[in-house]
């Protein structure tokens, strides 16, 4: 009798834990499916490098899910790994390294083919124009260590060609190399050029650090050792934004680098004599070779509104979930503006307002139109039509609505007013794209 009772109690305890596990599993599965649907709504899928999963090989262990530093890029659905927030992936590739059965490989958004608008490159990252190279994210790879390696490799090839290139012209005002962009790829190229003792000019339209300088505080930007020319390998396997920006500041102190921050490139062309003409708002430079390391963000269109240079006014939303309990203003009426506003409105405690100059949204995808209408009905965010910002201040923003000025409490502003994409710049330079 006692034995039977013991077995009965054991069965009940086991059943309790099985039921609890099953319920937790179902909740996790539902959460992953919901996250996948949200990711599809807000982004349309991965935009650059991302994991490709062989479902036949995947054993559903979940190692790839837990190792990802970006959070919920991957999840388990139906006992298999799945991409649920592909737009958050920035190509750390730890998921591929952690998979015990090799079911994950890192690919670009269009595996095995060049995406529309993406530059066509040789294996050495050279464009269709001789001695014009592209390094980093613009070429299709988002990972910092890849950008650093490409920057170095491009300069090594340029240095090998320089004796022949210099023979074409002995003009002392001609640079050996112009590097456009001072993010990871551009800094790597500039340092390698200094190592080769090339006469180099580096142009950066914004600040040294590129996209990294726009990451949220303490955002993880590298998860494996990276080696920069002249400095060697970072010993840490994890680096924050602040640590990397401190390195950029150290780089800026070097006297053998010629970096013009705040000087963007307006036009780029290769002339009949083989020299590149690089025009900026302040000067025109000539060089034997060029490395483009400008990223994929393009040049945002500014509004010309007072206070637009304040640090809380931004043009690109990297991760909505890094912003909570804030008063937020989103300017614009296109898909990018609406998707950003809805993503921010879903975060805890945010009070989001969209300012749009039109009387109604007219350029949205159907799915975004339905979502924004539901968000307004449920009061998750507010839309001010026939409106435009007049002044950005610390802690508030002045908005003109139907001819009346209104002051709104504000912590962050995102402006989505379009701009010049890298694709337009590449086309104008004569670079062949897919």
Protein backbone atom coordinates (compact mmCIF):
# COMPACT_ATOMS: atom_id res chain seq x y z
CA UNK A 1 0.00 0.00 0.00
CA UNK A 2 2.80 2.39 0.98
CA UNK A 3 4.64 1.54 -2.23
CA UNK A 4 1.53 2.26 -4.31
CA UNK A 5 1.02 5.58 -2.52
CA UNK A 6 4.65 6.51 -3.10
CA UNK A 7 4.36 5.75 -6.81
CA UNK A 8 1.12 7.74 -7.00
CA UNK A 9 2.71 10.77 -5.35
CA UNK A 10 5.75 10.50 -7.63
CA UNK A 11 3.47 10.30 -10.67
CA UNK A 12 1.54 13.38 -9.53
CA UNK A 13 4.75 15.35 -8.94
CA UNK A 14 6.12 14.28 -12.31
CA UNK A 15 2.83 15.17 -13.97
CA UNK A 16 2.90 18.60 -12.34
CA UNK A 17 6.35 19.36 -13.71
CA UNK A 18 5.47 17.98 -17.16
CA UNK A 19 2.37 20.20 -17.33
CA UNK A 20 4.33 23.22 -16.12
CA UNK A 21 7.08 22.57 -18.67
CA UNK A 22 4.52 22.11 -21.45
CA UNK A 23 2.77 25.35 -20.57
CA UNK A 24 6.07 27.23 -20.42
CA UNK A 25 7.09 25.68 -23.74
CA UNK A 26 3.82 26.79 -25.34
CA UNK A 27 4.20 30.30 -23.94
CA UNK A 28 7.75 30.45 -25.29
CA UNK A 29 6.61 29.18 -28.67
CA UNK A 30 3.77 31.73 -28.81
CA UNK A 31 6.15 34.52 -27.83
CA UNK A 32 8.61 33.48 -30.54
CA UNK A 33 5.87 33.32 -33.16
CA UNK A 34 4.54 36.74 -32.13
CA UNK A 35 8.06 38.20 -32.23
CA UNK A 36 8.57 36.72 -35.69
CA UNK A 37 5.35 38.34 -36.92
CA UNK A 38 6.33 41.69 -35.40
CA UNK A 39 9.77 41.44 -36.98
CA UNK A 40 8.23 40.80 -40.39
CA UNK A 41 5.87 43.75 -39.98
CA UNK A 42 8.50 46.22 -38.88
CA UNK A 43 11.41 45.31 -41.11
CA UNK A 44 10.60 43.04 -44.00
CA UNK A 45 13.42 40.70 -42.93
CA UNK A 46 17.19 40.77 -42.67
CA UNK A 47 18.87 43.71 -44.40
CA UNK A 48 22.47 42.47 -44.57
CA UNK A 49 24.45 39.57 -43.12
CA UNK A 50 22.33 37.08 -41.17
CA UNK A 51 22.17 33.38 -40.24
CA UNK A 52 20.87 30.79 -42.70
CA UNK A 53 19.49 27.72 -40.93
CA UNK A 54 19.50 24.18 -42.35
CA UNK A 55 16.29 22.85 -40.79
CA UNK A 56 17.15 19.29 -41.76
CA UNK A 57 20.32 19.47 -39.67
CA UNK A 58 18.98 21.60 -36.80
CA UNK A 59 18.41 19.60 -33.60
CA UNK A 60 16.57 22.39 -31.76
CA UNK A 61 19.02 22.65 -28.87
CA UNK A 62 18.57 26.42 -28.59
CA UNK A 63 22.28 27.20 -28.24
CA UNK A 64 22.08 29.73 -31.06
CA UNK A 65 19.18 31.51 -29.35
CA UNK A 66 20.92 32.00 -26.01
CA UNK A 67 24.35 33.00 -27.36
CA UNK A 68 23.14 35.89 -29.57
CA UNK A 69 24.10 39.24 -27.95
CA UNK A 70 21.33 41.05 -29.83
CA UNK A 71 18.57 39.24 -27.94
CA UNK A 72 15.68 37.73 -29.87
CA UNK A 73 17.11 37.52 -33.39
CA UNK A 74 16.52 33.76 -33.25
CA UNK A 75 13.93 31.62 -31.51
CA UNK A 76 12.66 28.06 -31.45
CA UNK A 77 9.49 27.42 -33.42
CA UNK A 78 8.23 23.88 -33.84
CA UNK A 79 11.40 22.50 -32.25
CA UNK A 80 13.66 24.18 -34.82
CA UNK A 81 15.67 27.40 -34.82
CA UNK A 82 14.06 30.24 -36.77
CA UNK A 83 14.81 33.88 -37.52
CA UNK A 84 12.21 35.92 -35.64
CA UNK A 85 13.78 39.41 -35.69
CA UNK A 86 16.14 39.35 -38.64
CA UNK A 87 16.33 43.14 -38.80
CA UNK A 88 18.16 43.13 -35.45
CA UNK A 89 20.98 40.92 -36.70
CA UNK A 90 24.28 42.73 -37.24
CA UNK A 91 26.28 39.64 -38.12
CA UNK A 92 28.10 38.66 -34.92
CA UNK A 93 28.01 35.03 -36.21
CA UNK A 94 28.22 33.57 -32.69
CA UNK A 95 25.13 31.50 -33.49
CA UNK A 96 27.00 29.74 -36.30
CA UNK A 97 30.04 29.18 -34.07
CA UNK A 98 27.91 27.82 -31.20
CA UNK A 99 25.76 25.42 -33.23
CA UNK A 100 26.96 21.90 -32.33
CA UNK A 101 25.88 20.35 -35.64
CA UNK A 102 26.92 23.08 -38.08
CA UNK A 103 23.34 23.84 -39.10
CA UNK A 104 23.94 27.61 -39.36
CA UNK A 105 26.02 29.58 -41.84
CA UNK A 106 26.24 33.37 -42.21
CA UNK A 107 25.01 34.75 -45.53
CA UNK A 108 24.07 38.12 -46.98
CA UNK A 109 20.43 39.08 -47.40
CA UNK A 110 20.39 37.66 -50.90
CA UNK A 111 22.44 34.51 -50.54
CA UNK A 112 24.56 33.75 -53.61
CA UNK A 113 23.46 36.82 -55.53
CA UNK A 114 24.00 40.59 -55.53
CA UNK A 115 20.99 42.51 -54.26
CA UNK A 116 19.38 45.25 -56.30
CA UNK A 117 21.35 48.44 -55.78
CA UNK A 118 24.30 46.65 -54.17
CA UNK A 119 27.69 47.36 -55.81
CA UNK A 120 29.25 44.55 -57.82
CA UNK A 121 32.68 43.80 -56.36
CA UNK A 122 35.60 41.55 -57.15
CA UNK A 123 36.84 39.17 -54.41
CA UNK A 124 39.35 41.94 -53.58
CA UNK A 125 36.46 44.41 -53.00
CA UNK A 126 37.29 46.40 -56.14
CA UNK A 127 34.39 47.99 -58.03
CA UNK A 128 33.84 48.11 -61.77
CA UNK A 129 36.09 51.20 -61.76
CA UNK A 130 39.80 50.31 -61.46
CA UNK A 131 41.45 51.34 -58.16
CA UNK A 132 38.12 52.24 -56.57
CA UNK A 133 37.36 49.92 -53.67
CA UNK A 134 34.46 49.47 -51.25
CA UNK A 135 35.04 48.18 -47.72
CA UNK A 136 32.57 47.42 -44.94
CA UNK A 137 28.81 47.46 -44.73
CA UNK A 138 28.23 49.10 -48.12
CA UNK A 139 29.65 45.96 -49.75
CA UNK A 140 27.13 43.72 -47.97
CA UNK A 141 28.87 42.68 -44.72
CA UNK A 142 27.78 44.24 -41.45
CA UNK A 143 30.29 42.70 -39.05
CA UNK A 144 33.00 45.01 -37.72
CA UNK A 145 35.78 42.46 -37.97
CA UNK A 146 34.97 41.97 -41.67
CA UNK A 147 35.02 45.73 -42.25
CA UNK A 148 38.40 46.03 -40.52
CA UNK A 149 39.86 43.18 -42.56
CA UNK A 150 38.53 44.58 -45.82
CA UNK A 151 39.95 48.03 -45.10
CA UNK A 152 43.41 46.54 -44.57
CA UNK A 153 43.26 44.24 -47.60
CA UNK A 154 42.18 47.02 -49.98
CA UNK A 155 45.10 49.21 -48.94
CA UNK A 156 47.57 46.34 -49.27
CA UNK A 157 46.51 45.90 -52.88
CA UNK A 158 46.66 49.65 -53.55
CA UNK A 159 50.17 49.85 -52.04
CA UNK A 160 51.32 47.05 -54.36
CA UNK A 161 50.00 48.95 -57.39
CA UNK A 162 51.30 52.39 -56.39
CA UNK A 163 54.64 52.34 -58.24
CA UNK A 164 52.78 52.00 -61.53
CA UNK A 165 50.09 54.51 -60.49
CA UNK A 166 52.61 57.14 -59.39
CA UNK A 167 54.45 56.77 -62.70
CA UNK A 168 51.44 58.33 -64.42
CA UNK A 169 51.86 61.64 -62.58
CA UNK A 170 54.55 63.16 -60.38
CA UNK A 171 52.36 66.00 -59.09
CA UNK A 172 53.03 66.35 -55.34
CA UNK A 173 49.44 67.52 -54.69
CA UNK A 174 48.00 64.17 -55.76
CA UNK A 175 47.19 61.85 -52.86
CA UNK A 176 48.10 58.20 -53.10
CA UNK A 177 44.78 57.33 -51.49
CA UNK A 178 41.59 59.02 -50.37
CA UNK A 179 39.52 57.12 -47.82
CA UNK A 180 35.86 58.16 -47.65
CA UNK A 181 34.40 57.38 -44.25
CA UNK A 182 35.95 57.01 -40.78
CA UNK A 183 34.05 54.07 -39.35
CA UNK A 184 35.72 50.70 -38.65
CA UNK A 185 36.58 50.03 -42.31
CA UNK A 186 37.77 53.59 -42.96
CA UNK A 187 39.91 53.78 -39.83
CA UNK A 188 41.44 50.39 -40.62
CA UNK A 189 42.25 51.53 -44.15
CA UNK A 190 43.73 54.81 -42.89
CA UNK A 191 45.94 53.06 -40.34
CA UNK A 192 47.14 50.54 -42.93
CA UNK A 193 47.93 53.39 -45.30
CA UNK A 194 50.01 55.05 -42.57
CA UNK A 195 51.77 51.74 -42.07
CA UNK A 196 52.62 51.69 -45.79
CA UNK A 197 53.61 55.40 -45.56
CA UNK A 198 51.09 56.38 -48.24
CA UNK A 199 50.08 60.00 -48.71
CA UNK A 200 46.49 59.65 -47.57
CA UNK A 201 43.46 61.84 -46.89
CA UNK A 202 40.47 60.52 -44.92
CA UNK A 203 37.15 62.35 -45.29
CA UNK A 204 34.26 61.85 -42.83
CA UNK A 205 31.00 63.76 -43.16
CA UNK A 206 30.13 63.33 -39.49
CA UNK A 207 32.32 62.19 -36.60
CA UNK A 208 35.01 59.52 -36.38
CA UNK A 209 33.40 56.19 -35.50
CA UNK A 210 30.72 56.03 -38.18
CA UNK A 211 27.62 54.02 -37.31
CA UNK A 212 29.25 52.81 -34.08
CA UNK A 213 29.09 56.35 -32.69
CA UNK A 214 25.29 56.23 -33.08
CA UNK A 215 24.79 53.01 -31.12
CA UNK A 216 22.99 53.18 -27.76
CA UNK A 217 25.19 53.46 -24.66
CA UNK A 218 26.98 50.22 -23.73
CA UNK A 219 25.78 48.60 -26.96
CA UNK A 220 27.89 45.51 -27.70
CA UNK A 221 29.64 46.07 -31.01
CA UNK A 222 32.23 43.28 -31.22
CA UNK A 223 32.17 39.72 -29.94
CA UNK A 224 35.47 38.36 -31.20
CA UNK A 225 39.06 39.65 -31.37
CA UNK A 226 39.70 42.32 -34.00
CA UNK A 227 43.14 43.47 -35.11
CA UNK A 228 43.73 47.05 -36.25
CA UNK A 229 46.89 48.05 -38.15
CA UNK A 230 49.56 49.75 -36.01
CA UNK A 231 47.66 48.88 -32.82
CA UNK A 232 47.43 45.11 -32.86
CA UNK A 233 44.62 42.92 -31.59
CA UNK A 234 42.03 43.94 -29.01
CA UNK A 235 42.43 41.38 -26.25
CA UNK A 236 38.83 41.62 -25.08
CA UNK A 237 36.31 39.37 -26.78
CA UNK A 238 33.58 41.90 -26.01
CA UNK A 239 33.77 45.67 -26.47
CA UNK A 240 31.22 48.35 -25.74
CA UNK A 241 30.52 51.42 -27.81
CA UNK A 242 32.38 53.54 -25.26
CA UNK A 243 35.52 51.41 -25.41
CA UNK A 244 35.62 51.52 -29.19
CA UNK A 245 34.98 55.27 -29.32
CA UNK A 246 37.83 55.75 -26.83
CA UNK A 247 40.00 53.91 -29.36
CA UNK A 248 38.80 56.24 -32.14
CA UNK A 249 39.80 59.23 -29.99
CA UNK A 250 43.24 57.71 -29.53
CA UNK A 251 43.53 57.22 -33.28
CA UNK A 252 42.67 60.88 -33.85
CA UNK A 253 45.74 61.93 -31.86
CA UNK A 254 48.11 60.33 -34.36
CA UNK A 255 50.14 62.85 -36.34
CA UNK A 256 50.60 60.48 -39.29
CA UNK A 257 46.86 60.47 -40.09
CA UNK A 258 45.16 63.17 -42.12
CA UNK A 259 41.48 62.96 -41.14
CA UNK A 260 39.01 65.71 -42.04
CA UNK A 261 35.96 65.14 -39.82
CA UNK A 262 32.84 67.08 -40.75
CA UNK A 263 33.80 67.15 -44.45
CA UNK A 264 31.59 64.92 -46.55
CA UNK A 265 32.02 64.00 -50.20
CA UNK A 266 29.68 65.60 -52.71
CA UNK A 267 30.89 63.96 -55.94
CA UNK A 268 33.43 61.34 -57.00
CA UNK A 269 34.69 60.73 -60.52
CA UNK A 270 37.58 59.06 -62.33
CA UNK A 271 38.99 61.24 -65.08
CA UNK A 272 40.56 60.24 -68.40
CA UNK A 273 44.07 60.35 -66.92
CA UNK A 274 43.07 57.70 -64.35
CA UNK A 275 43.05 60.12 -61.41
CA UNK A 276 40.09 60.41 -59.07
CA UNK A 277 38.53 63.79 -58.42
CA UNK A 278 36.84 63.94 -55.00
CA UNK A 279 34.81 67.07 -54.40
CA UNK A 280 33.64 68.24 -50.96
CA UNK A 281 31.84 71.45 -49.95
CA UNK A 282 35.21 73.08 -49.20
CA UNK A 283 37.72 71.68 -51.72
CA UNK A 284 38.45 69.35 -54.62
CA UNK A 285 41.09 66.64 -54.11
CA UNK A 286 42.85 64.28 -56.53
CA UNK A 287 44.15 60.78 -55.82
CA UNK A 288 45.45 57.62 -57.47
CA UNK A 289 43.02 55.36 -55.56
CA UNK A 290 39.90 55.58 -53.40
CA UNK A 291 38.44 53.37 -50.68
CA UNK A 292 34.74 53.97 -50.02
CA UNK A 293 33.82 53.02 -46.46
CA UNK A 294 30.63 55.04 -46.03
CA UNK A 295 28.21 52.39 -44.76
CA UNK A 296 24.65 52.00 -46.05
CA UNK A 297 22.77 54.72 -44.18
CA UNK A 298 23.18 57.40 -46.86
CA UNK A 299 22.92 61.13 -46.22
CA UNK A 300 19.74 62.10 -44.36
CA UNK A 301 17.82 65.19 -45.42
CA UNK A 302 17.88 67.90 -42.78
CA UNK A 303 14.86 70.06 -42.00
CA UNK A 304 16.69 73.29 -41.28
CA UNK A 305 14.86 73.64 -37.96
CA UNK A 306 16.42 75.43 -34.98
CA UNK A 307 17.94 72.96 -32.53
CA UNK A 308 18.38 70.21 -35.13
CA UNK A 309 22.01 69.77 -34.09
CA UNK A 310 21.09 68.81 -30.50
CA UNK A 311 22.34 65.30 -29.59
CA UNK A 312 18.84 63.89 -28.95
CA UNK A 313 17.76 64.64 -32.55
CA UNK A 314 18.53 61.61 -34.74
CA UNK A 315 17.88 60.29 -38.24
CA UNK A 316 18.20 56.56 -37.75
CA UNK A 317 16.58 54.23 -35.23
CA UNK A 318 18.85 51.29 -34.49
CA UNK A 319 16.95 49.50 -31.73
CA UNK A 320 13.60 50.62 -30.37
CA UNK A 321 13.85 48.49 -27.24
CA UNK A 322 16.73 50.59 -25.93
CA UNK A 323 14.30 53.47 -25.33
CA UNK A 324 11.69 53.27 -22.58
CA UNK A 325 9.72 55.77 -20.44
CA UNK A 326 10.40 58.69 -22.79
CA UNK A 327 8.52 61.43 -24.63
CA UNK A 328 9.34 60.80 -28.29
CA UNK A 329 8.64 62.73 -31.47
CA UNK A 330 8.85 61.10 -34.91
CA UNK A 331 8.85 63.40 -37.95
CA UNK A 332 7.69 61.98 -41.28
CA UNK A 333 4.86 60.15 -43.01
CA UNK A 334 6.55 57.30 -44.88
CA UNK A 335 6.94 53.63 -43.98
CA UNK A 336 10.23 54.20 -42.16
CA UNK A 337 8.73 56.87 -39.91
CA UNK A 338 5.60 54.88 -39.14
CA UNK A 339 7.48 51.63 -38.48
CA UNK A 340 9.87 53.44 -36.13
CA UNK A 341 7.00 55.13 -34.29
CA UNK A 342 5.11 51.87 -33.84
CA UNK A 343 8.23 50.09 -32.64
CA UNK A 344 8.93 52.82 -30.09
CA UNK A 345 5.29 52.91 -28.98
CA UNK A 346 5.47 49.22 -28.07
CA UNK A 347 8.25 49.85 -25.54
CA UNK A 348 7.40 50.31 -21.88
CA UNK A 349 6.26 53.77 -20.85
CA UNK A 350 7.00 55.59 -24.12
CA UNK A 351 4.71 58.43 -25.21
CA UNK A 352 5.10 58.70 -28.98
CA UNK A 353 3.83 61.43 -31.30
CA UNK A 354 4.13 61.47 -35.09
CA UNK A 355 4.28 64.87 -36.78
CA UNK A 356 3.34 64.79 -40.46
CA UNK A 357 2.83 67.73 -42.80
CA UNK A 358 0.15 65.99 -44.85
CA UNK A 359 -3.58 65.74 -44.10
CA UNK A 360 -3.38 61.93 -44.07
CA UNK A 361 -0.90 59.15 -44.78
CA UNK A 362 -0.78 58.46 -48.52
CA UNK A 363 2.47 56.53 -49.11
CA UNK A 364 2.20 53.65 -46.64
CA UNK A 365 2.15 49.95 -47.35
CA UNK A 366 -1.21 48.38 -46.59
CA UNK A 367 0.07 46.50 -43.57
CA UNK A 368 1.57 49.67 -42.09
CA UNK A 369 -1.63 51.63 -42.72
CA UNK A 370 -3.67 49.04 -40.83
CA UNK A 371 -1.19 48.91 -37.97
CA UNK A 372 -0.96 52.68 -37.55
CA UNK A 373 -4.74 53.05 -37.61
CA UNK A 374 -5.03 50.42 -34.87
CA UNK A 375 -2.25 52.09 -32.86
CA UNK A 376 -4.06 55.43 -33.00
CA UNK A 377 -7.42 53.85 -32.05
CA UNK A 378 -5.83 52.10 -29.07
CA UNK A 379 -4.02 55.34 -28.11
CA UNK A 380 -0.61 53.73 -28.19
CA UNK A 381 0.56 56.81 -30.10
CA UNK A 382 -0.71 60.15 -31.39
CA UNK A 383 -0.56 61.53 -34.92
CA UNK A 384 -0.54 65.28 -35.60
CA UNK A 385 -1.50 65.87 -39.24
CA UNK A 386 -0.91 69.17 -41.07
CA UNK A 387 1.95 69.73 -38.67
CA UNK A 388 5.69 70.41 -38.68
CA UNK A 389 8.37 71.03 -36.04
CA UNK A 390 9.52 74.62 -35.59
CA UNK A 391 12.17 74.33 -32.88
CA UNK A 392 13.88 71.52 -31.01
CA UNK A 393 14.82 72.27 -27.42
CA UNK A 394 16.30 70.36 -24.54
CA UNK A 395 13.23 68.81 -22.92
CA UNK A 396 10.62 70.05 -25.39
CA UNK A 397 9.81 70.73 -29.04
CA UNK A 398 7.72 73.47 -30.64
CA UNK A 399 5.29 72.13 -33.25
CA UNK A 400 3.07 74.10 -35.60
CA UNK A 401 -0.32 72.40 -36.00
CA UNK A 402 -3.00 73.93 -38.23
CA UNK A 403 -1.31 77.32 -37.87
CA UNK A 404 -1.04 77.15 -34.08
CA UNK A 405 2.19 76.66 -32.10
CA UNK A 406 2.15 73.87 -29.53
CA UNK A 407 4.90 72.89 -27.09
CA UNK A 408 5.36 69.16 -26.46
CA UNK A 409 7.48 67.55 -23.76
CA UNK A 410 10.30 65.70 -25.48
CA UNK A 411 13.31 63.49 -24.76
CA UNK A 412 14.14 62.15 -28.25
CA UNK A 413 13.39 63.11 -31.85
CA UNK A 414 13.72 60.93 -34.95
CA UNK A 415 13.51 62.59 -38.36
CA UNK A 416 12.61 60.52 -41.43
CA UNK A 417 12.57 63.07 -44.24
CA UNK A 418 14.33 61.02 -46.88
CA UNK A 419 17.76 61.84 -48.23
CA UNK A 420 20.42 60.82 -50.69
CA UNK A 421 21.01 57.06 -50.59
CA UNK A 422 24.43 55.49 -51.22
CA UNK A 423 22.91 53.90 -54.33
CA UNK A 424 22.45 57.33 -55.90
CA UNK A 425 26.01 58.29 -55.03
CA UNK A 426 27.37 55.04 -56.48
CA UNK A 427 25.38 55.49 -59.68
CA UNK A 428 26.60 59.07 -60.08
CA UNK A 429 30.18 57.86 -59.66
CA UNK A 430 29.66 55.29 -62.43
CA UNK A 431 29.94 52.23 -60.19
CA UNK A 432 28.14 49.16 -61.55
CA UNK A 433 25.50 47.79 -59.17
CA UNK A 434 23.19 44.79 -59.15
